[in-house]
Amino acid sequence: MAWRRVEQAMDITDMIYRTDDIHRVTELISSKLNKPVIVENKNFELVSYSASMDEFDQTQQKTILSKKCPIFIIDRLKKEGIVQRLEKQPTPIRVQPIEELGFYQRIVIAAKHLGQTMGYIWVQESETLLKDEELDFLQEINAHLGKLVYDTYAKVNAKEGRREELLWNLLQHEYGSENQLRNEATLAKLQLPECFSVLVFAISDPGENYRLDYLEKVVESFYLRRKIYLLKSDYQIVLIVQGEANKEFSSRNLAREFIHEVRDIAGSKVFYRFLIGLGKEYTSLIQMRKSFLEALEVIETANFITPRPETMPREFSKLGVYRYLAALYEKNSSEDYFSEDLLRLMKKDRESQTDLLKTLEVYLANNGKGKQTANDLYIHPNTLNYRIKQILELTNIDFNDFNMKSYLYTELLLLNNVPAYYQRYKEAAERGGS
């Protein structure tokens, strides 16, 4: 009888080495040990599990249902040093139960391939402990499991790589027709969105490309991750945000929600290191490139004017006069043009330490609404009225002239957001005019 058990064990081990199907191997391990088994990748995401879910404890059931080990369990394992031990220890580790979390006692071993941890094999012990020869069995087959997890990764990455290639080609306008794209997407099992907006996060400093890795993790943790396709290059992350065809602006609203999520998680200091652009919403796939280019135009404009936080729109549909700032900058600089009214205000600010230029910009941005302007400037309404009176006395500005107000606001955007433009005005003011 003992001889037959040895023969059976040898047969199962041999079968495992002859099997490339990770799900079949998981069942063989479970059959050999007569225990529930789960295989996870190195990110604690579910790869495979043995058949009977009823035998798993509460934690493992949650892992199976959500396809990932609960985060509070991962944190507990890290806190107790289990994860760190798995990196260094080649033999199985017995993890004590955590009753308050529904976590039964179990054995875990790192599945490694070419010296790198690919994932973990979890065996739920419950009441009966594994014997030494069974622990040796796990150690013996863990390298084969490591290779299978690696192969699973490779297949997924190859499939994801093909999907990414299709989307990049679409953004680069390499498809002659929508039918051609849909046919190739079907072959790659890529589900195309009914409507979408393209959202781009970029960095201007190559030394900060690590921030894109951080942003990628935020995307992965976003509760509506399934509605976002992610493409990554050296200096930007492109997010194709899916909406619903029967709900106008649904993709735009989801993109806004994600932007707020990034700001809440990263904090203002990190958040404002990104240049962010959001293209308009479309329903035709061929127009995905158009939304992408619109997002890039927002980013290029932001990169040109180095805007103050929250002053410049992130959405192409709200870009307005900002679209023309670069052209206006070139024209005015080449013609050595200045606004005499703004020069007078700049000289007054320099001589009397007033703040008339900023007051004028905020007043124009608020369409002449005194209460809102005073609130934005953190000054008393009487102080604002005095400053407006000074502006009127020093200049020829007519606040009833819409054309003049539009022109002044555009010029102030350049003056206050483009350092080189401000320097031109400063030098002109010091010379006493143009």
Protein backbone atom coordinates (compact mmCIF):
# COMPACT_ATOMS: atom_id res chain seq x y z
CA MET A 1 0.00 0.00 0.00
CA ALA A 2 2.84 2.38 0.93
CA TRP A 3 4.58 1.42 -2.33
CA ARG A 4 1.46 2.37 -4.30
CA ARG A 5 1.31 5.77 -2.62
CA VAL A 6 4.97 6.41 -3.57
CA GLU A 7 4.25 5.29 -7.14
CA GLN A 8 1.19 7.56 -7.27
CA ALA A 9 3.20 10.52 -5.95
CA MET A 10 5.87 9.93 -8.59
CA ASP A 11 3.21 9.73 -11.27
CA ILE A 12 1.68 13.07 -10.22
CA THR A 13 5.07 14.77 -10.10
CA ASP A 14 5.90 13.40 -13.54
CA MET A 15 2.51 14.50 -14.86
CA ILE A 16 3.12 18.00 -13.52
CA TYR A 17 6.43 18.25 -15.34
CA ARG A 18 4.79 17.04 -18.56
CA THR A 19 1.92 19.55 -18.34
CA ASP A 20 2.01 23.10 -19.71
CA ASP A 21 -1.54 23.92 -18.61
CA ILE A 22 -1.25 25.82 -15.33
CA HIS A 23 -4.87 25.07 -14.39
CA ARG A 24 -4.29 21.33 -14.85
CA VAL A 25 -1.11 21.55 -12.77
CA THR A 26 -3.01 23.35 -9.97
CA GLU A 27 -5.54 20.51 -9.90
CA LEU A 28 -2.75 17.91 -9.78
CA ILE A 29 -1.12 19.68 -6.81
CA SER A 30 -4.47 19.83 -5.02
CA SER A 31 -5.07 16.12 -5.76
CA LYS A 32 -1.63 15.18 -4.46
CA LEU A 33 -1.97 17.18 -1.23
CA ASN A 34 -5.73 16.78 -0.83
CA LYS A 35 -5.90 20.50 -0.05
CA PRO A 36 -7.32 23.61 -1.75
CA VAL A 37 -4.65 25.35 -3.83
CA ILE A 38 -4.40 28.86 -5.28
CA VAL A 39 -1.68 30.20 -7.59
CA GLU A 40 -1.13 33.98 -7.72
CA ASN A 41 1.28 36.10 -9.70
CA LYS A 42 3.86 38.36 -8.06
CA ASN A 43 1.26 41.13 -7.77
CA PHE A 44 -1.01 38.80 -5.79
CA GLU A 45 -3.44 38.56 -8.69
CA LEU A 46 -5.25 35.26 -9.22
CA VAL A 47 -3.76 32.97 -11.88
CA SER A 48 -5.34 29.60 -11.07
CA TYR A 49 -7.20 27.73 -8.32
CA SER A 50 -8.34 24.18 -7.65
CA ALA A 51 -11.91 23.14 -8.39
CA SER A 52 -13.95 23.12 -5.18
CA MET A 53 -14.52 26.70 -4.05
CA ASP A 54 -16.52 25.51 -1.03
CA GLU A 55 -13.32 24.27 0.61
CA PHE A 56 -11.63 27.69 0.55
CA ASP A 57 -11.67 30.02 3.52
CA GLN A 58 -13.23 33.47 3.39
CA THR A 59 -10.04 35.21 2.24
CA GLN A 60 -9.44 32.80 -0.63
CA GLN A 61 -13.05 33.04 -1.74
CA LYS A 62 -12.67 36.81 -1.94
CA THR A 63 -9.48 36.33 -3.96
CA ILE A 64 -11.31 34.09 -6.43
CA LEU A 65 -14.28 36.45 -6.77
CA SER A 66 -12.24 39.65 -7.16
CA LYS A 67 -9.29 38.00 -9.01
CA LYS A 68 -6.86 39.53 -6.51
CA CYS A 69 -5.84 38.93 -2.90
CA PRO A 70 -7.57 41.48 -0.59
CA ILE A 71 -5.30 44.45 0.03
CA PHE A 72 -5.65 44.24 3.81
CA ILE A 73 -4.29 40.67 3.71
CA ILE A 74 -1.32 41.76 1.56
CA ASP A 75 -0.58 44.59 4.00
CA ARG A 76 -0.72 42.16 6.93
CA LEU A 77 1.63 39.71 5.21
CA LYS A 78 4.08 42.52 4.47
CA LYS A 79 3.86 43.84 8.03
CA GLU A 80 4.68 40.38 9.42
CA GLY A 81 7.60 39.94 7.00
CA ILE A 82 6.09 37.02 5.08
CA VAL A 83 6.48 38.67 1.67
CA GLN A 84 10.09 39.59 2.39
CA ARG A 85 10.86 36.01 3.52
CA LEU A 86 9.36 34.59 0.33
CA GLU A 87 11.90 36.53 -1.72
CA LYS A 88 14.83 35.04 0.17
CA GLN A 89 13.66 31.62 1.38
CA PRO A 90 13.55 28.75 -1.17
CA THR A 91 11.55 26.46 1.11
CA PRO A 92 7.82 26.64 1.95
CA ILE A 93 6.66 28.98 4.72
CA ARG A 94 3.85 28.19 7.15
CA VAL A 95 1.62 31.21 7.71
CA GLN A 96 -0.36 31.22 10.94
CA PRO A 97 -4.14 31.84 10.84
CA ILE A 98 -5.60 35.33 11.11
CA GLU A 99 -9.00 34.43 12.47
CA GLU A 100 -10.47 37.93 12.53
CA LEU A 101 -9.84 38.20 8.77
CA GLY A 102 -11.16 34.75 7.85
CA PHE A 103 -7.64 33.63 6.96
CA TYR A 104 -6.92 29.95 7.75
CA GLN A 105 -3.46 28.51 8.31
CA ARG A 106 -1.65 27.80 5.05
CA ILE A 107 1.61 27.00 3.34
CA VAL A 108 3.10 29.34 0.75
CA ILE A 109 6.16 29.10 -1.48
CA ALA A 110 7.48 31.49 -4.11
CA ALA A 111 7.26 30.12 -7.67
CA LYS A 112 10.49 31.25 -9.31
CA HIS A 113 11.80 31.22 -12.86
CA LEU A 114 15.43 31.99 -13.69
CA GLY A 115 15.94 33.24 -10.15
CA GLN A 116 13.04 35.72 -10.29
CA THR A 117 9.79 35.44 -8.33
CA MET A 118 6.94 34.94 -10.78
CA GLY A 119 4.21 34.21 -8.26
CA TYR A 120 3.13 32.23 -5.20
CA ILE A 121 1.61 28.80 -4.51
CA TRP A 122 -0.82 28.85 -1.59
CA VAL A 123 -1.99 25.62 0.06
CA GLN A 124 -4.72 25.92 2.68
CA GLU A 125 -3.88 23.55 5.56
CA SER A 126 -6.91 24.05 7.84
CA GLU A 127 -6.71 21.36 10.53
CA THR A 128 -4.31 18.83 8.96
CA LEU A 129 -0.72 19.98 8.49
CA LEU A 130 1.35 19.03 5.44
CA LYS A 131 4.04 16.44 6.02
CA ASP A 132 7.72 16.99 5.34
CA GLU A 133 7.62 14.96 2.11
CA GLU A 134 4.68 17.07 0.91
CA LEU A 135 6.61 20.26 1.65
CA ASP A 136 9.54 18.78 -0.30
CA PHE A 137 7.15 18.07 -3.17
CA LEU A 138 6.11 21.75 -3.28
CA GLN A 139 9.73 22.85 -3.29
CA GLU A 140 10.50 20.40 -6.07
CA ILE A 141 7.76 21.54 -8.45
CA ASN A 142 7.84 25.28 -7.68
CA ALA A 143 10.32 26.03 -10.50
CA HIS A 144 7.98 24.42 -13.04
CA LEU A 145 5.11 26.50 -11.64
CA GLY A 146 7.31 29.59 -11.91
CA LYS A 147 7.87 28.92 -15.61
CA LEU A 148 4.15 28.36 -16.19
CA VAL A 149 3.28 31.65 -14.48
CA TYR A 150 5.94 33.33 -16.61
CA ASP A 151 4.49 31.75 -19.78
CA THR A 152 1.01 32.92 -18.74
CA TYR A 153 2.38 36.45 -18.37
CA ALA A 154 4.06 36.21 -21.77
CA LYS A 155 0.83 35.16 -23.50
CA VAL A 156 -1.14 37.95 -21.86
CA ASN A 157 1.55 40.49 -22.68
CA ALA A 158 1.67 39.33 -26.31
CA LYS A 159 -2.08 39.74 -26.59
CA GLU A 160 -1.97 43.10 -24.80
CA GLY A 161 0.93 44.12 -27.03
CA ARG A 162 -1.14 43.45 -30.15
CA ARG A 163 -4.05 45.44 -28.71
CA GLU A 164 -1.75 48.33 -27.85
CA GLU A 165 -0.30 48.22 -31.36
CA LEU A 166 -3.79 48.51 -32.88
CA LEU A 167 -4.64 51.50 -30.68
CA TRP A 168 -1.33 53.26 -31.38
CA ASN A 169 -1.89 52.70 -35.11
CA LEU A 170 -5.34 54.22 -34.78
CA LEU A 171 -3.92 57.27 -32.99
CA GLN A 172 -1.28 57.57 -35.72
CA HIS A 173 -3.95 57.37 -38.46
CA GLU A 174 -2.67 54.13 -40.01
CA TYR A 175 -6.09 52.64 -40.85
CA GLY A 176 -7.80 53.33 -44.14
CA SER A 177 -11.27 52.44 -42.93
CA GLU A 178 -13.19 51.70 -39.78
CA ASN A 179 -14.08 48.22 -41.10
CA GLN A 180 -10.39 47.32 -41.43
CA LEU A 181 -9.79 48.42 -37.85
CA ARG A 182 -12.80 46.50 -36.52
CA ASN A 183 -11.71 43.31 -38.30
CA GLU A 184 -8.22 43.48 -36.80
CA ALA A 185 -9.65 44.35 -33.38
CA THR A 186 -11.90 41.28 -33.53
CA LEU A 187 -8.89 39.05 -34.27
CA ALA A 188 -7.01 40.59 -31.30
CA LYS A 189 -10.14 40.33 -29.09
CA LEU A 190 -10.03 44.07 -28.51
CA GLN A 191 -13.40 45.51 -27.51
CA LEU A 192 -13.67 48.93 -29.11
CA PRO A 193 -15.52 51.76 -27.36
CA GLU A 194 -18.87 53.09 -28.57
CA CYS A 195 -17.85 56.62 -27.67
CA PHE A 196 -14.66 57.99 -26.18
CA SER A 197 -12.43 60.89 -25.26
CA VAL A 198 -8.64 60.80 -25.29
CA LEU A 199 -6.92 62.00 -22.12
CA VAL A 200 -3.16 62.59 -22.08
CA PHE A 201 -0.82 63.09 -19.11
CA ALA A 202 2.66 64.28 -20.11
CA ILE A 203 5.88 65.40 -18.49
CA SER A 204 8.23 68.04 -19.91
CA ASP A 205 11.29 67.05 -17.86
CA PRO A 206 12.84 63.67 -18.90
CA GLY A 207 14.20 63.33 -15.38
CA GLU A 208 10.66 62.97 -14.07
CA ASN A 209 9.49 60.05 -16.23
CA TYR A 210 9.24 57.99 -13.04
CA ARG A 211 6.07 59.96 -12.34
CA LEU A 212 4.43 58.12 -15.24
CA ASP A 213 5.02 54.82 -13.40
CA TYR A 214 3.26 56.31 -10.40
CA LEU A 215 0.40 57.49 -12.60
CA GLU A 216 0.10 54.02 -14.13
CA LYS A 217 -0.49 52.59 -10.67
CA VAL A 218 -3.21 55.17 -10.04
CA VAL A 219 -4.90 54.05 -13.27
CA GLU A 220 -4.70 50.41 -12.19
CA SER A 221 -6.36 51.21 -8.87
CA PHE A 222 -9.10 53.40 -10.39
CA TYR A 223 -12.47 51.86 -9.62
CA LEU A 224 -13.58 52.16 -13.27
CA ARG A 225 -10.29 50.82 -14.71
CA ARG A 226 -12.20 48.61 -17.17
CA LYS A 227 -13.42 51.76 -18.95
CA ILE A 228 -9.90 53.04 -19.65
CA TYR A 229 -7.36 51.81 -22.23
CA LEU A 230 -3.83 52.78 -21.25
CA LEU A 231 -0.96 53.43 -23.65
CA LYS A 232 2.44 54.49 -22.39
CA SER A 233 5.46 56.11 -24.03
CA ASP A 234 8.63 57.62 -22.60
CA TYR A 235 7.08 61.00 -21.83
CA GLN A 236 3.34 60.49 -21.74
CA ILE A 237 0.47 58.25 -20.81
CA VAL A 238 -2.47 58.16 -23.20
CA LEU A 239 -5.82 57.12 -21.76
CA ILE A 240 -8.68 56.23 -24.09
CA VAL A 241 -11.68 56.80 -21.85
CA GLN A 242 -14.82 54.89 -22.81
CA GLY A 243 -18.28 56.36 -22.54
CA GLU A 244 -21.77 55.23 -23.45
CA ALA A 245 -23.15 56.07 -26.88
CA ASN A 246 -26.57 57.03 -25.51
CA LYS A 247 -25.14 59.32 -22.82
CA GLU A 248 -23.61 62.50 -24.20
CA PHE A 249 -20.34 63.59 -22.55
CA SER A 250 -20.16 60.37 -20.48
CA SER A 251 -16.50 59.77 -21.44
CA ARG A 252 -15.62 63.42 -20.78
CA ASN A 253 -17.24 63.27 -17.36
CA LEU A 254 -15.39 60.05 -16.52
CA ALA A 255 -12.11 61.66 -17.62
CA ARG A 256 -12.81 64.62 -15.33
CA GLU A 257 -13.50 62.21 -12.48
CA PHE A 258 -10.19 60.45 -13.08
CA ILE A 259 -8.29 63.77 -13.14
CA HIS A 260 -9.80 64.63 -9.74
CA GLU A 261 -8.81 61.16 -8.50
CA VAL A 262 -5.18 61.76 -9.50
CA ARG A 263 -5.15 65.14 -7.77
CA ASP A 264 -6.66 63.70 -4.57
CA ILE A 265 -4.22 60.78 -4.45
CA ALA A 266 -1.05 62.52 -5.63
CA GLY A 267 -1.53 65.87 -3.90
CA SER A 268 -1.18 69.28 -5.54
CA LYS A 269 2.64 69.33 -5.62
CA VAL A 270 2.89 66.16 -7.72
CA PHE A 271 -0.33 66.74 -9.66
CA TYR A 272 0.82 70.06 -11.11
CA ARG A 273 3.99 68.47 -12.45
CA PHE A 274 1.84 66.84 -15.14
CA LEU A 275 0.72 68.56 -18.31
CA ILE A 276 -2.84 67.35 -18.90
CA GLY A 277 -4.95 67.52 -22.06
CA LEU A 278 -8.43 66.15 -22.79
CA GLY A 279 -9.77 65.89 -26.35
CA LYS A 280 -13.42 66.16 -27.29
CA GLU A 281 -15.82 63.21 -27.18
CA TYR A 282 -16.45 61.26 -30.41
CA THR A 283 -18.35 58.15 -31.51
CA SER A 284 -16.49 57.38 -34.77
CA LEU A 285 -13.30 55.37 -34.22
CA ILE A 286 -11.53 57.12 -37.06
CA GLN A 287 -11.89 60.33 -35.03
CA MET A 288 -9.90 58.88 -32.14
CA ARG A 289 -6.80 60.45 -33.65
CA LYS A 290 -8.61 63.80 -33.73
CA SER A 291 -9.37 63.60 -30.00
CA PHE A 292 -5.74 62.60 -29.40
CA LEU A 293 -4.40 65.59 -31.37
CA GLU A 294 -6.77 67.90 -29.50
CA ALA A 295 -5.40 66.62 -26.18
CA LEU A 296 -1.86 67.18 -27.44
CA GLU A 297 -2.71 70.74 -28.49
CA VAL A 298 -3.80 71.51 -24.94
CA ILE A 299 -0.52 70.10 -23.64
CA GLU A 300 1.57 71.98 -26.20
CA THR A 301 -0.19 75.22 -25.25
CA ALA A 302 0.36 74.57 -21.55
CA ASN A 303 4.02 73.79 -22.20
CA PHE A 304 4.36 77.06 -24.12
CA ILE A 305 2.84 79.36 -21.53
CA THR A 306 3.95 77.51 -18.37
CA PRO A 307 0.58 78.31 -16.75
CA ARG A 308 -0.07 78.98 -13.12
CA PRO A 309 -1.99 76.13 -11.42
CA GLU A 310 -5.67 75.96 -12.35
CA THR A 311 -5.56 78.99 -14.66
CA MET A 312 -5.53 77.22 -18.03
CA PRO A 313 -8.27 74.85 -19.20
CA ARG A 314 -7.31 71.18 -19.53
CA GLU A 315 -10.08 70.45 -22.03
CA PHE A 316 -9.76 71.30 -25.72
CA SER A 317 -13.41 72.32 -25.85
CA LYS A 318 -12.65 75.02 -23.26
CA LEU A 319 -9.31 76.16 -24.66
CA GLY A 320 -10.80 79.23 -26.33
CA VAL A 321 -8.38 82.11 -26.79
CA TYR A 322 -5.48 80.04 -25.39
CA ARG A 323 -5.30 78.34 -28.82
CA TYR A 324 -4.02 81.58 -30.36
CA LEU A 325 -1.52 82.68 -27.73
CA ALA A 326 1.52 81.22 -29.49
CA ALA A 327 0.61 82.93 -32.78
CA LEU A 328 -0.04 86.23 -31.00
CA TYR A 329 3.26 85.94 -29.15
CA GLU A 330 5.15 85.50 -32.43
CA LYS A 331 3.36 88.42 -34.12
CA ASN A 332 3.76 90.88 -31.25
CA SER A 333 7.37 89.92 -30.58
CA SER A 334 8.39 90.16 -34.24
CA GLU A 335 6.71 93.58 -34.55
CA ASP A 336 8.00 94.75 -31.14
CA TYR A 337 4.41 95.60 -30.21
CA PHE A 338 3.25 96.68 -26.73
CA SER A 339 -0.01 97.80 -25.18
CA GLU A 340 0.54 101.37 -23.94
CA ASP A 341 -2.20 100.90 -21.32
CA LEU A 342 -0.53 97.81 -19.86
CA LEU A 343 2.88 99.50 -19.91
CA ARG A 344 1.49 102.35 -17.81
CA LEU A 345 0.01 99.90 -15.30
CA MET A 346 3.27 97.96 -15.11
CA LYS A 347 5.26 101.14 -14.40
CA LYS A 348 2.75 102.15 -11.72
CA ASP A 349 3.03 98.70 -10.09
CA ARG A 350 6.84 98.96 -10.08
CA GLU A 351 6.92 102.51 -8.72
CA SER A 352 4.15 102.27 -6.11
CA GLN A 353 4.10 98.55 -5.28
CA THR A 354 0.49 98.36 -6.46
CA ASP A 355 -1.07 95.28 -8.04
CA LEU A 356 -3.03 96.81 -10.89
CA LEU A 357 -2.05 94.35 -13.64
CA LYS A 358 -3.22 91.34 -11.68
CA THR A 359 -6.35 93.17 -10.57
CA LEU A 360 -7.19 93.98 -14.20
CA GLU A 361 -6.70 90.35 -15.32
CA VAL A 362 -8.92 88.94 -12.57
CA TYR A 363 -11.54 91.63 -13.13
CA LEU A 364 -11.69 90.84 -16.86
CA ALA A 365 -11.71 87.06 -16.22
CA ASN A 366 -14.75 87.57 -13.96
CA ASN A 367 -16.47 89.68 -16.64
CA GLY A 368 -16.46 92.77 -14.42
CA LYS A 369 -18.15 91.15 -11.44
CA GLY A 370 -16.82 93.11 -8.47
CA LYS A 371 -17.78 90.76 -5.63
CA GLN A 372 -16.23 87.69 -7.29
CA THR A 373 -13.09 89.65 -8.22
CA ALA A 374 -12.63 90.93 -4.65
CA ASN A 375 -13.06 87.39 -3.32
CA ASP A 376 -10.51 85.98 -5.77
CA LEU A 377 -8.00 88.69 -4.86
CA TYR A 378 -8.73 88.42 -1.12
CA ILE A 379 -9.36 92.16 -0.86
CA HIS A 380 -12.24 94.34 0.36
CA PRO A 381 -14.71 95.53 -2.35
CA ASN A 382 -13.76 99.14 -1.52
CA THR A 383 -10.11 98.30 -2.23
CA LEU A 384 -11.14 96.82 -5.57
CA ASN A 385 -13.17 99.93 -6.44
CA TYR A 386 -10.16 102.13 -5.65
CA ARG A 387 -7.90 100.03 -7.89
CA ILE A 388 -10.40 100.10 -10.77
CA LYS A 389 -10.58 103.88 -10.39
CA GLN A 390 -6.76 104.06 -10.62
CA ILE A 391 -6.77 101.89 -13.75
CA LEU A 392 -9.32 104.15 -15.43
CA GLU A 393 -7.34 107.27 -14.52
CA LEU A 394 -4.03 105.89 -15.82
CA THR A 395 -5.28 104.35 -19.07
CA ASN A 396 -7.71 104.70 -21.96
CA ILE A 397 -9.46 101.42 -21.08
CA ASP A 398 -13.22 101.37 -21.65
CA PHE A 399 -14.88 98.52 -19.77
CA ASN A 400 -17.96 98.90 -21.96
CA ASP A 401 -15.93 98.04 -25.07
CA PHE A 402 -16.08 94.23 -25.47
CA ASN A 403 -13.43 94.19 -28.20
CA MET A 404 -10.98 96.12 -26.01
CA LYS A 405 -11.64 93.88 -23.01
CA SER A 406 -11.06 90.73 -25.11
CA TYR A 407 -7.80 92.09 -26.48
CA LEU A 408 -6.53 93.18 -23.05
CA TYR A 409 -7.36 89.82 -21.47
CA THR A 410 -5.46 87.96 -24.21
CA GLU A 411 -2.46 90.25 -23.81
CA LEU A 412 -2.54 89.78 -20.03
CA LEU A 413 -2.55 85.99 -20.45
CA LEU A 414 0.70 86.27 -22.39
CA LEU A 415 2.15 88.82 -20.02
CA ASN A 416 1.43 86.81 -16.89
CA ASN A 417 2.13 83.31 -18.21
CA VAL A 418 5.07 83.62 -20.62
CA PRO A 419 8.25 84.78 -18.82
CA ALA A 420 9.93 85.98 -22.02
CA TYR A 421 6.91 88.13 -22.88
CA TYR A 422 6.88 89.66 -19.41
CA GLN A 423 10.59 90.43 -19.77
CA ARG A 424 9.88 92.34 -23.00
CA TYR A 425 7.32 94.50 -21.20
CA LYS A 426 9.59 94.99 -18.22
CA GLU A 427 12.45 96.24 -20.39
CA ALA A 428 10.08 98.53 -22.30
CA ALA A 429 8.71 99.93 -19.05
CA GLU A 430 12.24 100.62 -17.82
CA ARG A 431 13.02 102.44 -21.09
CA GLY A 432 9.94 104.59 -20.58
CA GLY A 433 7.77 103.08 -23.28
CA SER A 434 8.08 101.45 -26.71
